[in-house]
Amino acid sequence: MEETPQGPTDNAPPPAPPASEPPPQRTARPEVVSDNRTVMIVLAYLGLLALIPLLVEKDDSEVQWHAKHGLVLVAAEFIVMIALWVLIMVITAISGGLGCILGLLWPLFVLAILVVHVLCIVKGLNGQRFLIPGLSDFADRF
């Protein structure tokens, strides 16, 4: 019988398992999400472009709220603009000069619309909501 030499290898602990690599860092994805959310909130207040975030970002409730709010805002502005235009035309037909004077107020109305849209975009980008009485309640129904 042969004797096997017993050396230091018999008493050595088993080799350590290979070091696993740490999981990859996921830093790029949140930036993409925040950039995408920013673009979608801006689009929500640019007229009919609000349909893009409404149809694309179905999982993001904040973007959905802004898109619905933007669409209701545009619809209300359209209705008010048509009503004002008809009113100015009727007054012009009846009195002549008074309708023309009211027509000079039209740029102020357009400027007010622009200011409301900018406020909505700024509030939305800061994570807040610009609530318009009546319109925001109507938008919440959808």
Protein backbone atom coordinates (compact mmCIF):
# COMPACT_ATOMS: atom_id res chain seq x y z
CA MET A 1 0.00 0.00 0.00
CA GLU A 2 1.14 3.36 -0.82
CA GLU A 3 0.86 6.14 1.53
CA THR A 4 -0.32 9.44 0.20
CA PRO A 5 1.55 12.33 1.48
CA GLN A 6 -0.53 14.68 3.49
CA GLY A 7 0.46 18.18 2.84
CA PRO A 8 -0.94 21.58 3.59
CA THR A 9 -3.47 21.22 0.77
CA ASP A 10 -5.64 18.78 2.69
CA ASN A 11 -6.23 21.18 5.55
CA ALA A 12 -6.68 24.28 3.39
CA PRO A 13 -10.12 25.86 3.32
CA PRO A 14 -12.07 25.53 0.08
CA PRO A 15 -11.39 28.27 -2.46
CA ALA A 16 -13.58 31.32 -2.18
CA PRO A 17 -16.22 31.68 -4.87
CA PRO A 18 -15.35 34.17 -7.57
CA ALA A 19 -16.28 37.72 -6.65
CA SER A 20 -19.50 38.70 -8.30
CA GLU A 21 -19.69 41.99 -10.12
CA PRO A 22 -21.79 44.67 -8.48
CA PRO A 23 -25.12 45.32 -10.16
CA PRO A 24 -24.93 48.01 -12.82
CA GLN A 25 -25.79 51.50 -11.74
CA ARG A 26 -29.10 52.79 -13.11
CA THR A 27 -28.35 56.46 -13.26
CA ALA A 28 -29.17 57.17 -16.89
CA ARG A 29 -32.78 56.00 -16.79
CA PRO A 30 -34.18 58.48 -14.22
CA GLU A 31 -32.72 61.37 -16.19
CA VAL A 32 -34.46 60.13 -19.32
CA VAL A 33 -37.73 59.83 -17.41
CA SER A 34 -37.45 63.36 -15.99
CA ASP A 35 -36.50 64.79 -19.40
CA ASN A 36 -39.42 62.96 -20.96
CA ARG A 37 -41.78 64.22 -18.25
CA THR A 38 -40.55 67.78 -18.79
CA VAL A 39 -41.19 67.61 -22.52
CA MET A 40 -44.60 66.05 -21.99
CA ILE A 41 -45.69 68.71 -19.49
CA VAL A 42 -44.63 71.47 -21.88
CA LEU A 43 -46.49 69.77 -24.74
CA ALA A 44 -49.59 69.52 -22.55
CA TYR A 45 -50.06 73.28 -22.74
CA LEU A 46 -49.29 73.82 -26.43
CA GLY A 47 -52.76 73.48 -27.91
CA LEU A 48 -53.65 70.24 -29.62
CA LEU A 49 -50.14 68.93 -28.96
CA ALA A 50 -51.58 67.97 -25.56
CA LEU A 51 -52.86 64.84 -27.28
CA ILE A 52 -49.28 63.53 -27.46
CA PRO A 53 -48.70 63.23 -23.68
CA LEU A 54 -52.30 62.11 -23.22
CA LEU A 55 -51.80 59.17 -25.57
CA VAL A 56 -48.12 58.39 -24.91
CA GLU A 57 -47.71 58.72 -21.13
CA LYS A 58 -50.65 56.64 -19.90
CA ASP A 59 -48.79 55.43 -16.80
CA ASP A 60 -47.80 58.87 -15.46
CA SER A 61 -50.80 60.35 -13.65
CA GLU A 62 -49.18 63.77 -13.32
CA VAL A 63 -48.56 64.08 -17.06
CA GLN A 64 -52.08 62.80 -17.72
CA TRP A 65 -53.55 65.50 -15.46
CA HIS A 66 -51.59 68.25 -17.22
CA ALA A 67 -52.55 66.91 -20.67
CA LYS A 68 -56.25 66.82 -19.75
CA HIS A 69 -56.01 70.26 -18.19
CA GLY A 70 -54.28 71.61 -21.30
CA LEU A 71 -56.95 70.19 -23.61
CA VAL A 72 -59.79 71.61 -21.50
CA LEU A 73 -57.99 74.95 -21.40
CA VAL A 74 -57.64 75.05 -25.20
CA ALA A 75 -61.28 74.06 -25.70
CA ALA A 76 -62.44 76.79 -23.30
CA GLU A 77 -60.24 79.38 -25.01
CA PHE A 78 -61.63 78.39 -28.40
CA ILE A 79 -65.22 78.72 -27.17
CA VAL A 80 -64.53 82.11 -25.57
CA MET A 81 -62.71 83.37 -28.69
CA ILE A 82 -65.63 82.40 -30.93
CA ALA A 83 -68.11 84.03 -28.53
CA LEU A 84 -66.06 87.24 -28.38
CA TRP A 85 -65.67 87.32 -32.14
CA VAL A 86 -69.45 86.96 -32.63
CA LEU A 87 -70.08 89.63 -29.99
CA ILE A 88 -67.66 92.05 -31.66
CA MET A 89 -69.24 91.42 -35.08
CA VAL A 90 -72.77 91.99 -33.74
CA ILE A 91 -71.80 95.17 -31.92
CA THR A 92 -69.97 96.39 -35.03
CA ALA A 93 -73.05 95.75 -37.16
CA ILE A 94 -75.28 97.61 -34.71
CA SER A 95 -73.14 100.56 -33.66
CA GLY A 96 -70.16 100.62 -35.99
CA GLY A 97 -67.39 102.32 -34.00
CA LEU A 98 -67.97 100.55 -30.68
CA GLY A 99 -67.26 97.15 -32.23
CA CYS A 100 -63.98 98.42 -33.61
CA ILE A 101 -62.98 99.67 -30.18
CA LEU A 102 -63.83 96.27 -28.67
CA GLY A 103 -61.75 94.69 -31.44
CA LEU A 104 -58.73 96.51 -30.06
CA LEU A 105 -59.12 94.46 -26.87
CA TRP A 106 -58.55 91.25 -28.80
CA PRO A 107 -54.72 91.37 -28.45
CA LEU A 108 -55.13 91.75 -24.68
CA PHE A 109 -57.22 88.59 -24.61
CA VAL A 110 -54.58 86.72 -26.62
CA LEU A 111 -51.88 88.01 -24.27
CA ALA A 112 -53.88 86.80 -21.26
CA ILE A 113 -54.13 83.35 -22.85
CA LEU A 114 -50.37 83.31 -23.38
CA VAL A 115 -49.74 84.29 -19.75
CA VAL A 116 -52.03 81.50 -18.49
CA HIS A 117 -50.23 78.93 -20.63
CA VAL A 118 -46.81 80.08 -19.44
CA LEU A 119 -47.97 79.95 -15.80
CA CYS A 120 -49.32 76.44 -16.32
CA ILE A 121 -46.04 75.28 -17.87
CA VAL A 122 -43.88 76.84 -15.14
CA LYS A 123 -46.03 75.41 -12.34
CA GLY A 124 -46.08 72.00 -14.04
CA LEU A 125 -42.30 71.92 -14.41
CA ASN A 126 -41.96 72.76 -10.71
CA GLY A 127 -44.19 69.83 -9.76
CA GLN A 128 -47.20 71.99 -8.96
CA ARG A 129 -50.57 72.57 -10.57
CA PHE A 130 -52.04 75.86 -11.71
CA LEU A 131 -55.72 75.53 -10.86
CA ILE A 132 -58.24 77.54 -12.83
CA PRO A 133 -61.63 77.65 -11.10
CA GLY A 134 -64.21 75.73 -13.06
CA LEU A 135 -61.85 74.50 -15.77
CA SER A 136 -59.63 72.45 -13.47
CA ASP A 137 -62.69 70.87 -11.87
CA PHE A 138 -64.01 70.00 -15.32
CA ALA A 139 -60.65 68.50 -16.34
CA ASP A 140 -60.64 66.33 -13.19
CA ARG A 141 -63.82 64.59 -14.36
CA PHE A 142 -61.96 62.79 -17.16
